[in-house]
Amino acid sequence: MSDKRAAVLLADGFEEGESLFVVDILRRCGVCADTVSVEGEMVRGSHDIYVKVDCLIGENKFDDYDMVVIPGGMPGAENLRNNPLVVKWVKKFDSEGKYIAAICAGPMVLKEAGITAGRTLTSYPADKYRELFKDSNYVDDNKEMEKMVVVDDNIITSRGPATTLPFAFKLAEVLGGDVEKVKEGILYNAMQKAI
């Protein structure tokens, strides 16, 4: 059991898989993971799945968490990017060397926070994101699943829904979770061997 805590931020239009699978894997690995809404208690995903969150962003203190997780999904990622409190959290976490994780369209929030220049990262592989991160060392590798998760010091990024499991396991690993036991338990290792 890890004593680390992660806040998975949700806004209307969030990508359900990139959010809920991350929470699931973190919790299975013994990491406390809270779903934190920037809007209301019920948040609608990009595929019309409603989720009741653990808490609202204004109810929490920045210092309560060791990691903030930013999922993709549209317009969820844009809603997070446009929220001044989310941007403040990301800037504060970066200044303190705390973990910031973003997947798919989520890295746009990191750009808004002004922390991507010169950093190595990835995102959903679309031209608009490649252009957005032209001041970064942008990783554009779709050949190996494990390479679709990019770590640059305290920033962890990934590409999209299909990369959610390796992304979630990397987050659990850096937070001290029991990763190998969970990988075996959910047949992740068997699936990796079969690919």
Protein backbone atom coordinates (compact mmCIF):
# COMPACT_ATOMS: atom_id res chain seq x y z
CA MET A 1 0.00 0.00 0.00
CA SER A 2 1.40 3.37 -1.05
CA ASP A 3 0.96 6.51 1.02
CA LYS A 4 0.85 8.61 -2.17
CA ARG A 5 -2.27 10.33 -3.50
CA ALA A 6 -3.37 11.24 -7.01
CA ALA A 7 -6.11 13.62 -8.16
CA VAL A 8 -7.72 12.65 -11.47
CA LEU A 9 -9.36 15.80 -12.80
CA LEU A 10 -12.70 15.55 -14.60
CA ALA A 11 -14.61 18.13 -16.61
CA ASP A 12 -17.64 17.67 -18.86
CA GLY A 13 -16.52 15.86 -21.99
CA PHE A 14 -13.73 13.85 -20.33
CA GLU A 15 -12.58 10.60 -22.00
CA GLU A 16 -14.06 7.89 -19.80
CA GLY A 17 -11.45 5.19 -20.43
CA GLU A 18 -8.48 7.48 -19.91
CA SER A 19 -9.95 8.62 -16.61
CA LEU A 20 -11.66 5.69 -14.98
CA PHE A 21 -9.13 3.04 -15.98
CA VAL A 22 -6.39 5.20 -14.45
CA VAL A 23 -8.36 5.47 -11.20
CA ASP A 24 -9.03 1.72 -11.25
CA ILE A 25 -5.37 0.75 -11.82
CA LEU A 26 -4.07 3.21 -9.23
CA ARG A 27 -6.49 1.92 -6.62
CA ARG A 28 -5.73 -1.73 -7.43
CA CYS A 29 -2.04 -0.90 -6.97
CA GLY A 30 -2.72 0.59 -3.52
CA VAL A 31 -2.51 4.27 -4.49
CA CYS A 32 -5.24 6.62 -3.26
CA ALA A 33 -6.84 8.11 -6.36
CA ASP A 34 -9.62 10.68 -6.12
CA THR A 35 -11.84 11.80 -8.97
CA VAL A 36 -11.94 15.58 -8.70
CA SER A 37 -14.48 17.62 -10.65
CA VAL A 38 -13.94 21.17 -11.80
CA GLU A 39 -17.69 21.64 -12.25
CA GLY A 40 -20.26 19.66 -10.27
CA GLU A 41 -20.73 16.41 -8.40
CA MET A 42 -21.91 14.61 -11.56
CA VAL A 43 -19.70 14.90 -14.64
CA ARG A 44 -20.68 13.78 -18.16
CA GLY A 45 -18.06 11.97 -20.22
CA SER A 46 -17.49 12.41 -23.94
CA HIS A 47 -19.55 9.25 -24.57
CA ASP A 48 -22.43 10.28 -22.30
CA ILE A 49 -21.36 8.23 -19.28
CA TYR A 50 -22.06 10.12 -16.07
CA VAL A 51 -19.71 9.80 -13.12
CA LYS A 52 -20.26 10.90 -9.53
CA VAL A 53 -16.91 12.30 -8.39
CA ASP A 54 -15.22 11.95 -5.02
CA CYS A 55 -14.89 15.70 -4.52
CA LEU A 56 -14.87 19.12 -6.14
CA ILE A 57 -11.69 21.00 -6.97
CA GLY A 58 -12.45 23.84 -4.56
CA GLU A 59 -12.81 21.42 -1.63
CA ASN A 60 -9.23 20.19 -1.88
CA LYS A 61 -5.87 21.65 -1.03
CA PHE A 62 -3.02 21.35 -3.52
CA ASP A 63 -0.77 19.89 -0.84
CA ASP A 64 -3.03 16.86 -0.35
CA TYR A 65 -1.78 15.22 -3.55
CA ASP A 66 1.47 13.89 -4.98
CA MET A 67 0.18 13.76 -8.56
CA VAL A 68 -2.41 15.43 -10.75
CA VAL A 69 -3.78 13.45 -13.72
CA ILE A 70 -5.29 15.18 -16.76
CA PRO A 71 -7.28 12.95 -19.11
CA GLY A 72 -8.15 13.75 -22.70
CA GLY A 73 -11.53 13.77 -24.34
CA MET A 74 -13.32 16.64 -25.97
CA PRO A 75 -14.38 19.08 -24.82
CA GLY A 76 -13.13 17.77 -21.45
CA ALA A 77 -9.47 18.63 -22.03
CA GLU A 78 -10.42 22.09 -23.27
CA ASN A 79 -12.62 22.61 -20.21
CA LEU A 80 -9.69 21.70 -17.96
CA ARG A 81 -7.34 23.97 -19.93
CA ASN A 82 -9.77 26.88 -19.57
CA ASN A 83 -10.12 26.47 -15.80
CA PRO A 84 -7.78 28.89 -13.95
CA LEU A 85 -7.66 26.71 -10.83
CA VAL A 86 -6.53 23.68 -12.86
CA VAL A 87 -3.80 25.75 -14.52
CA LYS A 88 -2.75 27.04 -11.08
CA TRP A 89 -2.53 23.44 -9.76
CA VAL A 90 -0.37 22.37 -12.71
CA LYS A 91 2.01 25.32 -12.30
CA LYS A 92 2.29 24.71 -8.56
CA PHE A 93 2.89 20.99 -8.97
CA ASP A 94 5.63 21.66 -11.53
CA SER A 95 7.33 24.28 -9.34
CA GLU A 96 7.36 21.75 -6.46
CA GLY A 97 8.55 18.85 -8.63
CA LYS A 98 5.32 16.93 -8.04
CA TYR A 99 4.05 14.58 -10.73
CA ILE A 100 1.87 15.87 -13.54
CA ALA A 101 0.36 13.24 -15.84
CA ALA A 102 -1.60 13.93 -19.03
CA ILE A 103 -2.89 11.70 -21.80
CA CYS A 104 -4.29 12.24 -25.31
CA ALA A 105 -5.50 15.87 -25.55
CA GLY A 106 -4.74 16.45 -21.85
CA PRO A 107 -1.21 17.82 -22.44
CA MET A 108 -2.81 21.02 -23.80
CA VAL A 109 -3.31 21.93 -20.12
CA LEU A 110 0.45 21.70 -19.58
CA LYS A 111 0.95 24.05 -22.52
CA GLU A 112 -1.55 26.51 -21.03
CA ALA A 113 0.39 26.36 -17.75
CA GLY A 114 3.58 27.29 -19.61
CA ILE A 115 5.58 24.20 -18.60
CA THR A 116 6.17 22.42 -21.92
CA ALA A 117 9.01 24.38 -23.56
CA GLY A 118 12.07 22.18 -23.91
CA ARG A 119 10.33 19.23 -22.23
CA THR A 120 10.01 15.76 -23.74
CA LEU A 121 6.37 14.77 -24.10
CA THR A 122 3.73 13.24 -26.31
CA SER A 123 -0.01 13.56 -26.92
CA TYR A 124 -2.70 12.34 -29.26
CA PRO A 125 -0.95 12.03 -32.66
CA ALA A 126 -2.66 14.81 -34.58
CA ASP A 127 -1.09 17.71 -36.47
CA LYS A 128 -2.72 20.31 -34.21
CA TYR A 129 -0.94 18.84 -31.17
CA ARG A 130 2.37 18.43 -32.98
CA GLU A 131 2.12 22.15 -33.83
CA LEU A 132 1.06 23.06 -30.28
CA PHE A 133 4.19 21.40 -28.87
CA LYS A 134 6.69 22.61 -31.47
CA ASP A 135 8.77 24.16 -28.65
CA SER A 136 8.98 20.73 -26.95
CA ASN A 137 10.84 17.54 -27.73
CA TYR A 138 7.74 15.86 -29.14
CA VAL A 139 7.76 12.04 -29.23
CA ASP A 140 5.79 10.64 -32.16
CA ASP A 141 6.30 6.87 -31.82
CA ASN A 142 3.41 4.50 -32.53
CA LYS A 143 5.47 1.32 -32.86
CA GLU A 144 5.71 -0.01 -29.30
CA MET A 145 3.03 0.39 -26.65
CA GLU A 146 5.50 0.97 -23.80
CA LYS A 147 7.18 3.79 -25.78
CA MET A 148 3.86 5.59 -26.02
CA VAL A 149 4.30 6.66 -22.40
CA VAL A 150 6.88 9.43 -22.09
CA VAL A 151 8.52 10.45 -18.82
CA ASP A 152 10.41 13.73 -18.46
CA ASP A 153 11.33 14.17 -14.80
CA ASN A 154 7.98 14.92 -13.09
CA ILE A 155 5.90 15.04 -16.30
CA ILE A 156 4.35 11.84 -17.67
CA THR A 157 2.41 11.91 -20.94
CA SER A 158 0.78 9.38 -23.24
CA ARG A 159 -1.03 9.16 -26.57
CA GLY A 160 -4.64 8.03 -26.27
CA PRO A 161 -7.23 5.51 -25.08
CA ALA A 162 -5.29 2.42 -26.22
CA THR A 163 -2.24 3.52 -24.21
CA THR A 164 -4.18 3.97 -20.98
CA LEU A 165 -3.02 0.76 -19.30
CA PRO A 166 0.73 1.33 -19.75
CA PHE A 167 0.16 4.97 -18.76
CA ALA A 168 -1.75 3.98 -15.61
CA PHE A 169 0.88 1.41 -14.62
CA LYS A 170 3.66 3.98 -15.04
CA LEU A 171 1.74 6.36 -12.75
CA ALA A 172 1.28 3.62 -10.16
CA GLU A 173 4.97 2.70 -10.42
CA VAL A 174 6.27 6.21 -9.75
CA LEU A 175 3.86 6.50 -6.82
CA GLY A 176 5.11 3.28 -5.24
CA GLY A 177 2.15 1.06 -6.04
CA ASP A 178 2.21 -2.74 -6.22
CA VAL A 179 2.40 -2.79 -10.02
CA GLU A 180 3.73 -6.29 -10.81
CA LYS A 181 1.13 -8.06 -8.70
CA VAL A 182 -1.68 -6.13 -10.37
CA LYS A 183 -0.27 -6.67 -13.88
CA GLU A 184 -0.31 -10.41 -13.22
CA GLY A 185 -3.77 -10.29 -11.68
CA ILE A 186 -5.43 -8.54 -14.63
CA LEU A 187 -3.49 -10.58 -17.25
CA TYR A 188 -1.61 -7.53 -18.52
CA ASN A 189 1.67 -9.43 -18.81
CA ALA A 190 -0.02 -12.27 -20.70
CA MET A 191 -1.54 -9.76 -23.12
CA GLN A 192 1.85 -8.09 -23.66
CA LYS A 193 3.42 -11.46 -24.52
CA ALA A 194 0.61 -12.25 -26.95
CA ILE A 195 1.06 -9.02 -28.94
